[in-house]
PDB file of N, CA and C in Angstrom:
ATOM      1  N   MET A   1       0.848  -1.173   0.000  1.00  0.00           N
ATOM      2  CA  MET A   1       0.000   0.000   0.000  1.00  0.00           C
ATOM      3  C   MET A   1       0.895   1.238   0.000  1.00  0.00           C
ATOM      4  N   GLY A   2       0.529   2.241  -0.770  1.00  0.00           N
ATOM      5  CA  GLY A   2       1.325   3.449  -0.891  1.00  0.00           C
ATOM      6  C   GLY A   2       1.123   4.405   0.269  1.00  0.00           C
ATOM      7  N   LYS A   3       1.884   5.478   0.250  1.00  0.00           N
ATOM      8  CA  LYS A   3       1.783   6.477   1.305  1.00  0.00           C
ATOM      9  C   LYS A   3       0.569   7.379   1.132  1.00  0.00           C
ATOM     10  N   ILE A   4       0.180   7.631  -0.131  1.00  0.00           N
ATOM     11  CA  ILE A   4      -0.998   8.453  -0.402  1.00  0.00           C
ATOM     12  C   ILE A   4      -1.912   7.665  -1.335  1.00  0.00           C
ATOM     13  N   ILE A   5      -3.182   7.550  -0.944  1.00  0.00           N
ATOM     14  CA  ILE A   5      -4.159   6.775  -1.709  1.00  0.00           C
ATOM     15  C   ILE A   5      -5.322   7.686  -2.073  1.00  0.00           C
ATOM     16  N   HIS A   6      -5.771   7.612  -3.314  1.00  0.00           N
ATOM     17  CA  HIS A   6      -6.949   8.370  -3.764  1.00  0.00           C
ATOM     18  C   HIS A   6      -8.072   7.398  -4.042  1.00  0.00           C
ATOM     19  N   SER A   7      -9.257   7.748  -3.572  1.00  0.00           N
ATOM     20  CA  SER A   7     -10.436   6.920  -3.824  1.00  0.00           C
ATOM     21  C   SER A   7     -11.621   7.840  -4.055  1.00  0.00           C
ATOM     22  N   ARG A   8     -12.582   7.384  -4.813  1.00  0.00           N
ATOM     23  CA  ARG A   8     -13.808   8.141  -5.030  1.00  0.00           C
ATOM     24  C   ARG A   8     -14.970   7.305  -4.513  1.00  0.00           C
ATOM     25  N   LEU A   9     -15.735   7.857  -3.576  1.00  0.00           N
ATOM     26  CA  LEU A   9     -16.840   7.152  -2.953  1.00  0.00           C
ATOM     27  C   LEU A   9     -18.086   8.002  -3.075  1.00  0.00           C
ATOM     28  N   PHE A  10     -19.066   7.508  -3.792  1.00  0.00           N
ATOM     29  CA  PHE A  10     -20.322   8.229  -4.028  1.00  0.00           C
ATOM     30  C   PHE A  10     -20.079   9.627  -4.590  1.00  0.00           C
ATOM     31  N   GLY A  11     -19.102   9.754  -5.472  1.00  0.00           N
ATOM     32  CA  GLY A  11     -18.805  11.028  -6.115  1.00  0.00           C
ATOM     33  C   GLY A  11     -17.958  11.969  -5.275  1.00  0.00           C
ATOM     34  N   ILE A  12     -17.482  11.519  -4.118  1.00  0.00           N
ATOM     35  CA  ILE A  12     -16.650  12.341  -3.244  1.00  0.00           C
ATOM     36  C   ILE A  12     -15.221  11.814  -3.309  1.00  0.00           C
ATOM     37  N   ASP A  13     -14.281  12.708  -3.598  1.00  0.00           N
ATOM     38  CA  ASP A  13     -12.873  12.319  -3.644  1.00  0.00           C
ATOM     39  C   ASP A  13     -12.327  12.210  -2.227  1.00  0.00           C
ATOM     40  N   LEU A  14     -11.702  11.082  -1.921  1.00  0.00           N
ATOM     41  CA  LEU A  14     -11.078  10.864  -0.620  1.00  0.00           C
ATOM     42  C   LEU A  14      -9.576  10.697  -0.819  1.00  0.00           C
ATOM     43  N   ILE A  15      -8.806  11.370  -0.006  1.00  0.00           N
ATOM     44  CA  ILE A  15      -7.362  11.235  -0.019  1.00  0.00           C
ATOM     45  C   ILE A  15      -6.965  10.636   1.332  1.00  0.00           C
ATOM     46  N   ILE A  16      -6.304   9.495   1.296  1.00  0.00           N
ATOM     47  CA  ILE A  16      -5.876   8.817   2.511  1.00  0.00           C
ATOM     48  C   ILE A  16      -4.356   8.873   2.557  1.00  0.00           C
ATOM     49  N   VAL A  17      -3.825   9.466   3.628  1.00  0.00           N
ATOM     50  CA  VAL A  17      -2.381   9.571   3.800  1.00  0.00           C
ATOM     51  C   VAL A  17      -1.968   8.548   4.844  1.00  0.00           C
ATOM     52  N   ASN A  18      -1.113   7.626   4.445  1.00  0.00           N
ATOM     53  CA  ASN A  18      -0.752   6.489   5.274  1.00  0.00           C
ATOM     54  C   ASN A  18       0.663   6.616   5.844  1.00  0.00           C
ATOM     55  N   SER A  19       1.092   7.852   6.097  1.00  0.00           N
ATOM     56  CA  SER A  19       2.441   8.073   6.618  1.00  0.00           C
ATOM     57  C   SER A  19       2.426   9.332   7.473  1.00  0.00           C
ATOM     58  N   GLU A  20       2.921   9.223   8.693  1.00  0.00           N
ATOM     59  CA  GLU A  20       2.948  10.383   9.585  1.00  0.00           C
ATOM     60  C   GLU A  20       3.847  11.478   9.039  1.00  0.00           C
ATOM     61  N   THR A  21       4.994  11.118   8.502  1.00  0.00           N
ATOM     62  CA  THR A  21       5.913  12.136   7.986  1.00  0.00           C
ATOM     63  C   THR A  21       5.323  12.861   6.778  1.00  0.00           C
ATOM     64  N   THR A  22       4.648  12.119   5.919  1.00  0.00           N
ATOM     65  CA  THR A  22       3.994  12.745   4.762  1.00  0.00           C
ATOM     66  C   THR A  22       2.865  13.660   5.218  1.00  0.00           C
ATOM     67  N   THR A  23       2.086  13.218   6.201  1.00  0.00           N
ATOM     68  CA  THR A  23       0.987  14.029   6.731  1.00  0.00           C
ATOM     69  C   THR A  23       1.516  15.317   7.337  1.00  0.00           C
ATOM     70  N   ARG A  24       2.562  15.223   8.140  1.00  0.00           N
ATOM     71  CA  ARG A  24       3.145  16.425   8.756  1.00  0.00           C
ATOM     72  C   ARG A  24       3.669  17.390   7.692  1.00  0.00           C
ATOM     73  N   GLU A  25       4.296  16.852   6.666  1.00  0.00           N
ATOM     74  CA  GLU A  25       4.809  17.711   5.600  1.00  0.00           C
ATOM     75  C   GLU A  25       3.678  18.422   4.875  1.00  0.00           C
ATOM     76  N   LEU A  26       2.611  17.690   4.563  1.00  0.00           N
ATOM     77  CA  LEU A  26       1.470  18.293   3.871  1.00  0.00           C
ATOM     78  C   LEU A  26       0.791  19.364   4.728  1.00  0.00           C
ATOM     79  N   LEU A  27       0.615  19.092   6.018  1.00  0.00           N
ATOM     80  CA  LEU A  27      -0.088  20.033   6.883  1.00  0.00           C
ATOM     81  C   LEU A  27       0.780  21.199   7.329  1.00  0.00           C
ATOM     82  N   ASP A  28       2.026  20.949   7.646  1.00  0.00           N
ATOM     83  CA  ASP A  28       2.896  22.007   8.158  1.00  0.00           C
ATOM     84  C   ASP A  28       3.479  22.882   7.059  1.00  0.00           C
ATOM     85  N   LYS A  29       3.990  22.270   6.016  1.00  0.00           N
ATOM     86  CA  LYS A  29       4.719  23.026   5.003  1.00  0.00           C
ATOM     87  C   LYS A  29       3.861  23.501   3.841  1.00  0.00           C
ATOM     88  N   HIS A  30       2.782  22.802   3.552  1.00  0.00           N
ATOM     89  CA  HIS A  30       2.015  23.115   2.338  1.00  0.00           C
ATOM     90  C   HIS A  30       0.555  23.493   2.603  1.00  0.00           C
ATOM     91  N   SER A  31       0.163  23.702   3.841  1.00  0.00           N
ATOM     92  CA  SER A  31      -1.245  23.943   4.151  1.00  0.00           C
ATOM     93  C   SER A  31      -1.784  25.235   3.533  1.00  0.00           C
ATOM     94  N   ALA A  32      -0.944  26.216   3.291  1.00  0.00           N
ATOM     95  CA  ALA A  32      -1.404  27.471   2.679  1.00  0.00           C
ATOM     96  C   ALA A  32      -1.849  27.267   1.236  1.00  0.00           C
ATOM     97  N   ASN A  33      -1.458  26.167   0.608  1.00  0.00           N
ATOM     98  CA  ASN A  33      -1.831  25.904  -0.788  1.00  0.00           C
ATOM     99  C   ASN A  33      -3.222  25.301  -0.931  1.00  0.00           C
ATOM    100  N   TYR A  34      -3.810  24.833   0.162  1.00  0.00           N
ATOM    101  CA  TYR A  34      -5.060  24.089   0.076  1.00  0.00           C
ATOM    102  C   TYR A  34      -6.255  24.988   0.366  1.00  0.00           C
ATOM    103  N   PRO A  35      -7.363  24.776  -0.330  1.00  0.00           N
ATOM    104  CA  PRO A  35      -8.557  25.599  -0.112  1.00  0.00           C
ATOM    105  C   PRO A  35      -9.231  25.257   1.215  1.00  0.00           C
ATOM    106  N   THR A  36     -10.202  26.051   1.557  1.00  0.00           N
ATOM    107  CA  THR A  36     -10.963  25.852   2.784  1.00  0.00           C
ATOM    108  C   THR A  36     -11.880  24.635   2.681  1.00  0.00           C
ATOM    109  N   ARG A  37     -12.548  24.309   3.748  1.00  0.00           N
ATOM    110  CA  ARG A  37     -13.469  23.168   3.748  1.00  0.00           C
ATOM    111  C   ARG A  37     -14.677  23.476   2.875  1.00  0.00           C
ATOM    112  N   PRO A  38     -15.299  22.467   2.297  1.00  0.00           N
ATOM    113  CA  PRO A  38     -16.483  22.713   1.464  1.00  0.00           C
ATOM    114  C   PRO A  38     -17.684  23.104   2.320  1.00  0.00           C
ATOM    115  N   VAL A  39     -18.562  23.915   1.761  1.00  0.00           N
ATOM    116  CA  VAL A  39     -19.802  24.290   2.435  1.00  0.00           C
ATOM    117  C   VAL A  39     -20.840  23.234   2.097  1.00  0.00           C
ATOM    118  N   ILE A  40     -21.422  22.619   3.120  1.00  0.00           N
ATOM    119  CA  ILE A  40     -22.421  21.577   2.929  1.00  0.00           C
ATOM    120  C   ILE A  40     -23.767  22.138   3.367  1.00  0.00           C
ATOM    121  N   ARG A  41     -24.609  22.463   2.417  1.00  0.00           N
ATOM    122  CA  ARG A  41     -25.880  23.137   2.704  1.00  0.00           C
ATOM    123  C   ARG A  41     -26.814  22.304   3.566  1.00  0.00           C
ATOM    124  N   THR A  42     -26.759  20.988   3.454  1.00  0.00           N
ATOM    125  CA  THR A  42     -27.658  20.163   4.272  1.00  0.00           C
ATOM    126  C   THR A  42     -27.338  20.299   5.763  1.00  0.00           C
ATOM    127  N   ASN A  43     -26.114  20.607   6.109  1.00  0.00           N
ATOM    128  CA  ASN A  43     -25.772  20.829   7.516  1.00  0.00           C
ATOM    129  C   ASN A  43     -26.467  22.075   8.052  1.00  0.00           C
ATOM    130  N   GLU A  44     -26.563  23.113   7.234  1.00  0.00           N
ATOM    131  CA  GLU A  44     -27.276  24.316   7.641  1.00  0.00           C
ATOM    132  C   GLU A  44     -28.752  24.013   7.864  1.00  0.00           C
ATOM    133  N   LEU A  45     -29.343  23.234   6.968  1.00  0.00           N
ATOM    134  CA  LEU A  45     -30.759  22.883   7.104  1.00  0.00           C
ATOM    135  C   LEU A  45     -31.025  22.041   8.349  1.00  0.00           C
ATOM    136  N   ALA A  46     -30.045  21.247   8.736  1.00  0.00           N
ATOM    137  CA  ALA A  46     -30.192  20.385   9.908  1.00  0.00           C
ATOM    138  C   ALA A  46     -29.804  21.099  11.202  1.00  0.00           C
ATOM    139  N   GLY A  47     -29.414  22.376  11.117  1.00  0.00           N
ATOM    140  CA  GLY A  47     -29.032  23.126  12.298  1.00  0.00           C
ATOM    141  C   GLY A  47     -27.607  22.867  12.750  1.00  0.00           C
ATOM    142  N   LEU A  48     -26.766  22.357  11.862  1.00  0.00           N
ATOM    143  CA  LEU A  48     -25.383  22.040  12.207  1.00  0.00           C
ATOM    144  C   LEU A  48     -24.386  23.014  11.594  1.00  0.00           C
ATOM    145  N   ALA A  49     -24.845  24.211  11.239  1.00  0.00           N
ATOM    146  CA  ALA A  49     -23.985  25.165  10.548  1.00  0.00           C
ATOM    147  C   ALA A  49     -22.813  25.601  11.415  1.00  0.00           C
ATOM    148  N   PHE A  50     -23.008  25.686  12.735  1.00  0.00           N
ATOM    149  CA  PHE A  50     -21.924  26.116  13.608  1.00  0.00           C
ATOM    150  C   PHE A  50     -21.330  24.909  14.330  1.00  0.00           C
ATOM    151  N   ASN A  51     -20.809  23.996  13.555  1.00  0.00           N
ATOM    152  CA  ASN A  51     -20.115  22.828  14.079  1.00  0.00           C
ATOM    153  C   ASN A  51     -18.630  23.077  13.829  1.00  0.00           C
ATOM    154  N   THR A  52     -17.818  23.029  14.872  1.00  0.00           N
ATOM    155  CA  THR A  52     -16.405  23.374  14.768  1.00  0.00           C
ATOM    156  C   THR A  52     -15.697  22.606  13.656  1.00  0.00           C
ATOM    157  N   VAL A  53     -16.029  21.351  13.477  1.00  0.00           N
ATOM    158  CA  VAL A  53     -15.385  20.527  12.458  1.00  0.00           C
ATOM    159  C   VAL A  53     -15.732  21.009  11.053  1.00  0.00           C
ATOM    160  N   LEU A  54     -16.922  21.588  10.882  1.00  0.00           N
ATOM    161  CA  LEU A  54     -17.392  21.978   9.557  1.00  0.00           C
ATOM    162  C   LEU A  54     -17.158  23.433   9.226  1.00  0.00           C
ATOM    163  N   LEU A  55     -16.631  24.234  10.170  1.00  0.00           N
ATOM    164  CA  LEU A  55     -16.421  25.653   9.898  1.00  0.00           C
ATOM    165  C   LEU A  55     -15.312  25.871   8.876  1.00  0.00           C
ATOM    166  N   PRO A  56     -15.461  26.861   8.002  1.00  0.00           N
ATOM    167  CA  PRO A  56     -14.381  27.175   7.071  1.00  0.00           C
ATOM    168  C   PRO A  56     -13.223  27.819   7.829  1.00  0.00           C
ATOM    169  N   TYR A  57     -12.036  27.844   7.236  1.00  0.00           N
ATOM    170  CA  TYR A  57     -10.884  28.470   7.864  1.00  0.00           C
ATOM    171  C   TYR A  57     -11.111  29.969   7.991  1.00  0.00           C
ATOM    172  N   GLY A  58     -10.651  30.564   9.055  1.00  0.00           N
ATOM    173  CA  GLY A  58     -10.796  32.002   9.242  1.00  0.00           C
ATOM    174  C   GLY A  58     -10.753  32.369  10.707  1.00  0.00           C
ATOM    175  N   GLU A  59     -11.202  33.572  11.016  1.00  0.00           N
ATOM    176  CA  GLU A  59     -11.172  34.100  12.376  1.00  0.00           C
ATOM    177  C   GLU A  59     -11.961  33.245  13.359  1.00  0.00           C
ATOM    178  N   THR A  60     -13.134  32.777  12.959  1.00  0.00           N
ATOM    179  CA  THR A  60     -13.996  31.981  13.855  1.00  0.00           C
ATOM    180  C   THR A  60     -13.329  30.698  14.213  1.00  0.00           C
TER     181      THR A  60
END
């Protein structure tokens, strides 16, 4: 099994990183290159809009 695996599940792209050193490099050194979290409208409808895990990057 490789260090980085890509899979598509129900139309959603999943990236699985299977190495701590690779994960640290991606998060520490390259995190400014990655976009914010996706906005999921169904969470707003369900009253989960202010869930810490789902918040976009920013001041909040």
